[in-house]
Amino acid sequence: MANLGALFIVLAICLIAINLSLVGATFPKSVFSDWGSQQMVITGNGDDLQLTLNKLSGSGFQTKRQFLFGSIEMLIKLVPGNSAGTVTAYYLSSTGPRHDEIDFEFLGNLSGQPYTVHTNVFTQGVGNKEQQFHLWFDPTADFHNYTIHWNPNQIVWFIDGLPIRVFRNYESKGIAFPNQQRMRSYSSIWDADNWATQGGRVKIDWNSAPFIARFRRFRARACKWNGPVSISQCASNSLANWWTSPVYSKLSYSQIGQLMWIRNNYMIYNYCTDKMRFNGNLPLECYLQQY
């Protein structure tokens, strides 16, 4: 029996090693320049990366691996000072016109005004599920942890371990959920002054350039894509797929309390309350969300 127990442990470790990708990987090992390569710099031991936006170009990177479910996290320090008109993005996305996508976007501001955190979900190419928040700290003074936790039951956006948003899986009700398409993680900084700050009324002040966003310690504790078989394998309730454990299927009571505190104090837009936008017919998930 002891030998069987040891064998089980070894097999479990092997399964975890096969399914999990990029835990502890440095930027050179885990990402490559997506665009504006001359504006991307990796420093230190490979754990630090900076993206720059100036009049010449913005910049961005994407992961080498593709995933289906897991926990994707990164420390980010946003552009200080007058960042109006800029957007620093951190998101997961598949490709094509019917792509899936899970977004963190940080909308720049005039000096002294709070950053707006813009979140969205696309399923089969359709988004329009925006929620926006102000932050309860200065995101330019230090690095903060931004995590997307994505499993077959729900997507949760975390900031420094606090849940700010949840999107539940209601496929049984006819609502699409991103669970069939592989995604990469992307980050970028770009010129969005036609909409990013006060609806585009405040433009980029190029005298404040270059605009630099800093990234640190990217971690993807996620199921790497190995072809269509991953659709079932990454969602299976196995020892390797820790994100499918019942404890991650919904928020705990304390997490619900944290979510409601953030929603009550820092949410500035919720598509589920914008009846005018949807002509009085809110999307079905707005009536089904448990919290």
Protein backbone atom coordinates (compact mmCIF):
# COMPACT_ATOMS: atom_id res chain seq x y z
CA MET A 1 0.00 0.00 0.00
CA ALA A 2 2.86 2.39 0.78
CA ASN A 3 4.30 1.81 -2.68
CA LEU A 4 0.92 2.46 -4.26
CA GLY A 5 0.63 5.69 -2.30
CA ALA A 6 4.03 6.86 -3.47
CA LEU A 7 3.16 5.97 -7.06
CA PHE A 8 -0.05 8.00 -6.81
CA ILE A 9 1.88 11.03 -5.60
CA VAL A 10 4.37 10.73 -8.46
CA LEU A 11 1.56 10.42 -11.01
CA ALA A 12 -0.21 13.44 -9.54
CA ILE A 13 2.95 15.53 -9.78
CA CYS A 14 3.40 14.44 -13.40
CA LEU A 15 -0.18 15.38 -14.25
CA ILE A 16 0.24 18.80 -12.71
CA ALA A 17 3.48 19.33 -14.62
CA ILE A 18 1.76 18.37 -17.88
CA ASN A 19 -1.30 20.58 -17.41
CA LEU A 20 0.19 23.65 -15.77
CA SER A 21 2.14 26.10 -17.87
CA LEU A 22 4.59 28.91 -17.17
CA VAL A 23 4.55 28.84 -13.37
CA GLY A 24 7.56 30.93 -12.39
CA ALA A 25 8.67 31.52 -16.00
CA THR A 26 10.54 34.74 -16.78
CA PHE A 27 9.36 37.13 -19.47
CA PRO A 28 11.91 35.97 -22.10
CA LYS A 29 10.70 32.40 -21.65
CA SER A 30 6.99 33.14 -21.56
CA VAL A 31 6.24 36.08 -23.91
CA PHE A 32 7.29 37.69 -27.17
CA SER A 33 6.78 41.15 -28.66
CA ASP A 34 3.42 41.43 -30.38
CA TRP A 35 4.06 44.87 -31.91
CA GLY A 36 6.30 47.89 -31.30
CA SER A 37 9.24 45.67 -30.36
CA GLN A 38 11.56 48.68 -30.20
CA GLN A 39 9.37 50.01 -27.38
CA MET A 40 9.59 46.89 -25.19
CA VAL A 41 12.44 46.38 -22.72
CA ILE A 42 13.05 43.41 -20.39
CA THR A 43 15.31 44.10 -17.42
CA GLY A 44 16.69 42.51 -14.26
CA ASN A 45 16.62 38.72 -14.24
CA GLY A 46 13.84 38.66 -16.81
CA ASP A 47 11.08 39.30 -14.28
CA ASP A 48 10.62 42.97 -15.21
CA LEU A 49 9.28 44.36 -18.48
CA GLN A 50 8.31 47.84 -19.61
CA LEU A 51 6.18 48.99 -22.52
CA THR A 52 6.45 52.50 -23.93
CA LEU A 53 4.08 54.72 -25.88
CA ASN A 54 5.34 57.77 -27.73
CA LYS A 55 4.47 59.53 -30.98
CA LEU A 56 6.34 56.85 -32.90
CA SER A 57 4.43 53.85 -31.58
CA GLY A 58 2.86 52.00 -28.73
CA SER A 59 3.86 48.45 -27.88
CA GLY A 60 2.56 45.11 -26.74
CA PHE A 61 3.43 41.51 -25.99
CA GLN A 62 1.69 38.15 -25.91
CA THR A 63 2.37 34.78 -24.34
CA LYS A 64 4.00 32.00 -26.30
CA ARG A 65 1.61 29.49 -24.80
CA GLN A 66 -2.15 29.27 -25.21
CA PHE A 67 -4.47 28.32 -22.35
CA LEU A 68 -7.91 27.07 -21.48
CA PHE A 69 -8.81 27.81 -17.84
CA GLY A 70 -6.56 28.68 -14.94
CA SER A 71 -5.30 31.70 -13.04
CA ILE A 72 -3.36 34.35 -14.94
CA GLU A 73 -1.70 37.06 -12.87
CA MET A 74 0.77 39.91 -13.21
CA LEU A 75 2.08 42.83 -11.19
CA ILE A 76 1.54 46.12 -13.03
CA LYS A 77 2.62 49.68 -12.30
CA LEU A 78 0.65 52.12 -14.43
CA VAL A 79 1.76 55.28 -16.22
CA PRO A 80 2.24 58.14 -13.69
CA GLY A 81 1.38 61.80 -14.17
CA ASN A 82 -0.76 63.00 -17.05
CA SER A 83 -1.68 59.76 -18.81
CA ALA A 84 -4.89 61.07 -20.42
CA GLY A 85 -5.74 59.37 -23.69
CA THR A 86 -3.59 56.30 -23.03
CA VAL A 87 -4.79 52.77 -22.36
CA THR A 88 -2.74 50.06 -20.69
CA ALA A 89 -4.34 46.70 -21.45
CA TYR A 90 -3.99 43.27 -19.86
CA TYR A 91 -6.30 40.59 -21.19
CA LEU A 92 -6.88 37.08 -22.48
CA SER A 93 -8.06 36.54 -26.03
CA SER A 94 -8.52 33.96 -28.75
CA THR A 95 -8.42 35.03 -32.41
CA GLY A 96 -10.83 35.57 -35.28
CA PRO A 97 -14.16 37.39 -35.69
CA ARG A 98 -15.88 35.03 -33.22
CA HIS A 99 -13.18 35.33 -30.60
CA ASP A 100 -13.49 35.07 -26.83
CA GLU A 101 -11.84 37.70 -24.64
CA ILE A 102 -11.53 38.66 -20.95
CA ASP A 103 -10.35 42.23 -20.36
CA PHE A 104 -8.60 44.45 -17.88
CA GLU A 105 -8.06 47.91 -19.44
CA PHE A 106 -6.69 50.88 -17.50
CA LEU A 107 -7.87 54.20 -18.89
CA GLY A 108 -5.48 57.11 -18.42
CA ASN A 109 -6.31 60.37 -16.66
CA LEU A 110 -5.25 63.93 -16.01
CA SER A 111 -2.79 64.22 -13.14
CA GLY A 112 -4.50 63.80 -9.80
CA GLN A 113 -7.59 62.08 -11.18
CA PRO A 114 -8.24 58.38 -10.58
CA TYR A 115 -7.56 55.71 -13.17
CA THR A 116 -10.63 53.95 -14.56
CA VAL A 117 -10.43 50.15 -14.64
CA HIS A 118 -12.49 48.91 -17.59
CA THR A 119 -13.53 45.23 -17.66
CA ASN A 120 -15.35 43.34 -20.38
CA VAL A 121 -16.12 39.83 -21.65
CA PHE A 122 -16.44 38.75 -25.27
CA THR A 123 -18.02 35.43 -26.20
CA GLN A 124 -18.17 34.34 -29.84
CA GLY A 125 -17.16 37.85 -30.89
CA VAL A 126 -19.83 39.66 -28.88
CA GLY A 127 -18.90 41.94 -25.98
CA ASN A 128 -21.01 44.79 -24.56
CA LYS A 129 -20.61 43.50 -21.00
CA GLU A 130 -18.64 46.38 -19.53
CA GLN A 131 -18.14 47.20 -15.87
CA GLN A 132 -15.90 50.07 -14.79
CA PHE A 133 -14.33 50.95 -11.46
CA HIS A 134 -12.12 53.54 -9.83
CA LEU A 135 -9.26 52.25 -7.73
CA TRP A 136 -8.89 52.68 -3.97
CA PHE A 137 -5.12 53.26 -4.26
CA ASP A 138 -2.63 55.02 -6.53
CA PRO A 139 -1.78 52.40 -9.20
CA THR A 140 1.19 54.47 -10.40
CA ALA A 141 3.05 54.56 -7.06
CA ASP A 142 3.79 50.85 -6.84
CA PHE A 143 3.10 47.46 -8.40
CA HIS A 144 -0.25 45.80 -7.75
CA ASN A 145 -1.47 42.30 -8.54
CA TYR A 146 -4.10 41.91 -11.27
CA THR A 147 -5.43 38.37 -11.72
CA ILE A 148 -7.95 36.76 -14.07
CA HIS A 149 -9.26 33.50 -12.63
CA TRP A 150 -11.11 31.54 -15.32
CA ASN A 151 -12.71 28.16 -14.84
CA PRO A 152 -15.73 26.26 -16.22
CA ASN A 153 -18.05 27.87 -13.65
CA GLN A 154 -17.07 31.51 -13.62
CA ILE A 155 -14.59 34.25 -14.42
CA VAL A 156 -13.36 36.39 -11.53
CA TRP A 157 -11.29 39.57 -11.83
CA PHE A 158 -9.07 40.14 -8.77
CA ILE A 159 -7.01 43.16 -7.72
CA ASP A 160 -4.55 42.46 -4.90
CA GLY A 161 -6.57 39.37 -4.05
CA LEU A 162 -9.91 41.21 -3.84
CA PRO A 163 -12.63 40.18 -6.32
CA ILE A 164 -14.00 43.16 -8.24
CA ARG A 165 -16.19 41.34 -10.75
CA VAL A 166 -17.69 37.93 -11.49
CA PHE A 167 -19.16 36.55 -14.73
CA ARG A 168 -20.95 33.25 -14.14
CA ASN A 169 -21.47 30.39 -16.59
CA TYR A 170 -25.15 30.31 -17.60
CA GLU A 171 -24.82 28.28 -20.78
CA SER A 172 -27.76 26.16 -19.64
CA LYS A 173 -29.86 29.34 -19.99
CA GLY A 174 -28.62 30.02 -23.50
CA ILE A 175 -25.93 32.55 -22.53
CA ALA A 176 -22.54 32.01 -24.20
CA PHE A 177 -19.52 31.43 -21.97
CA PRO A 178 -15.85 31.31 -23.04
CA ASN A 179 -14.99 27.64 -22.63
CA GLN A 180 -14.23 26.31 -26.10
CA GLN A 181 -11.44 28.51 -27.48
CA ARG A 182 -7.79 28.66 -26.51
CA MET A 183 -6.52 32.05 -25.41
CA ARG A 184 -3.21 33.83 -25.04
CA SER A 185 -2.47 36.53 -22.49
CA TYR A 186 -1.73 39.98 -23.96
CA SER A 187 -0.54 43.32 -22.60
CA SER A 188 -0.12 46.61 -24.43
CA ILE A 189 -0.05 50.39 -24.16
CA TRP A 190 -1.58 52.44 -26.94
CA ASP A 191 -3.09 55.75 -28.07
CA ALA A 192 -6.85 55.70 -27.44
CA ASP A 193 -7.50 59.41 -27.00
CA ASN A 194 -10.59 59.19 -29.19
CA TRP A 195 -12.44 57.51 -26.29
CA ALA A 196 -10.28 56.64 -23.26
CA THR A 197 -10.45 59.77 -21.09
CA GLN A 198 -13.79 61.49 -20.49
CA GLY A 199 -15.19 59.92 -23.64
CA GLY A 200 -12.38 61.31 -25.79
CA ARG A 201 -12.76 64.91 -24.67
CA VAL A 202 -9.27 64.90 -23.11
CA LYS A 203 -6.51 64.14 -25.61
CA ILE A 204 -2.97 62.90 -25.18
CA ASP A 205 -0.44 65.56 -24.23
CA TRP A 206 2.61 64.38 -26.14
CA ASN A 207 4.75 66.78 -24.11
CA SER A 208 4.28 64.26 -21.27
CA ALA A 209 5.65 61.39 -23.38
CA PRO A 210 7.13 58.85 -23.18
CA PHE A 211 4.37 56.99 -21.35
CA ILE A 212 5.75 53.90 -19.65
CA ALA A 213 3.81 51.00 -18.10
CA ARG A 214 5.78 48.48 -16.05
CA PHE A 215 5.08 44.77 -15.62
CA ARG A 216 6.56 42.29 -13.18
CA ARG A 217 6.35 38.58 -12.30
CA PHE A 218 3.93 37.24 -14.90
CA ARG A 219 2.46 33.94 -13.70
CA ALA A 220 0.13 31.61 -15.59
CA ARG A 221 -1.03 28.72 -13.42
CA ALA A 222 -3.15 27.46 -16.26
CA CYS A 223 -3.99 24.50 -18.45
CA LYS A 224 -1.94 24.73 -21.61
CA TRP A 225 -3.70 24.08 -24.89
CA ASN A 226 -2.86 20.75 -26.54
CA GLY A 227 -5.48 20.75 -29.28
CA PRO A 228 -9.27 20.18 -29.20
CA VAL A 229 -8.87 17.42 -26.61
CA SER A 230 -8.08 20.21 -24.13
CA ILE A 231 -11.71 21.36 -24.20
CA SER A 232 -12.62 18.35 -22.07
CA GLN A 233 -9.27 17.72 -20.38
CA CYS A 234 -8.85 21.26 -18.99
CA ALA A 235 -12.40 21.25 -17.64
CA SER A 236 -12.23 17.82 -16.04
CA ASN A 237 -12.40 17.58 -12.27
CA SER A 238 -8.95 16.08 -11.80
CA LEU A 239 -6.17 16.58 -9.28
CA ALA A 240 -4.13 18.50 -11.85
CA ASN A 241 -6.96 20.93 -12.65
CA TRP A 242 -7.10 22.58 -9.24
CA TRP A 243 -9.28 25.42 -10.63
CA THR A 244 -12.16 22.93 -11.10
CA SER A 245 -12.26 22.19 -7.37
CA PRO A 246 -15.67 23.04 -5.80
CA VAL A 247 -14.01 25.72 -3.66
CA TYR A 248 -13.39 27.73 -6.85
CA SER A 249 -16.85 27.21 -8.33
CA LYS A 250 -18.23 30.27 -6.55
CA LEU A 251 -17.09 33.03 -4.23
CA SER A 252 -16.85 32.44 -0.50
CA TYR A 253 -18.98 34.49 1.88
CA SER A 254 -16.03 36.73 2.73
CA GLN A 255 -15.26 37.24 -0.98
CA ILE A 256 -18.87 38.19 -1.65
CA GLY A 257 -18.54 40.80 1.09
CA GLN A 258 -15.37 42.17 -0.51
CA LEU A 259 -17.04 42.22 -3.93
CA MET A 260 -20.04 44.17 -2.59
CA TRP A 261 -17.78 46.67 -0.82
CA ILE A 262 -15.94 47.40 -4.05
CA ARG A 263 -19.16 47.53 -6.06
CA ASN A 264 -20.83 49.91 -3.60
CA ASN A 265 -17.85 52.24 -3.27
CA TYR A 266 -15.88 52.11 -6.52
CA MET A 267 -18.05 50.89 -9.39
CA ILE A 268 -18.82 53.74 -11.81
CA TYR A 269 -20.53 51.84 -14.65
CA ASN A 270 -22.42 48.56 -14.91
CA TYR A 271 -23.98 47.44 -18.18
CA CYS A 272 -26.56 45.53 -16.15
CA THR A 273 -28.11 48.78 -14.92
CA ASP A 274 -27.99 50.66 -18.24
CA LYS A 275 -31.58 50.11 -19.39
CA MET A 276 -31.45 53.01 -21.83
CA ARG A 277 -28.57 51.42 -23.71
CA PHE A 278 -30.50 48.15 -24.13
CA ASN A 279 -33.90 49.78 -24.74
CA GLY A 280 -35.19 48.49 -21.43
CA ASN A 281 -34.27 44.86 -22.15
CA LEU A 282 -31.18 44.07 -20.13
CA PRO A 283 -29.08 41.03 -21.11
CA LEU A 284 -30.46 37.85 -19.54
CA GLU A 285 -27.40 37.25 -17.32
CA CYS A 286 -28.16 40.52 -15.52
CA TYR A 287 -31.21 38.86 -14.01
CA LEU A 288 -29.38 35.63 -13.18
CA GLN A 289 -26.20 36.86 -11.52
CA GLN A 290 -26.12 35.72 -7.91
CA TYR A 291 -23.94 38.62 -6.78
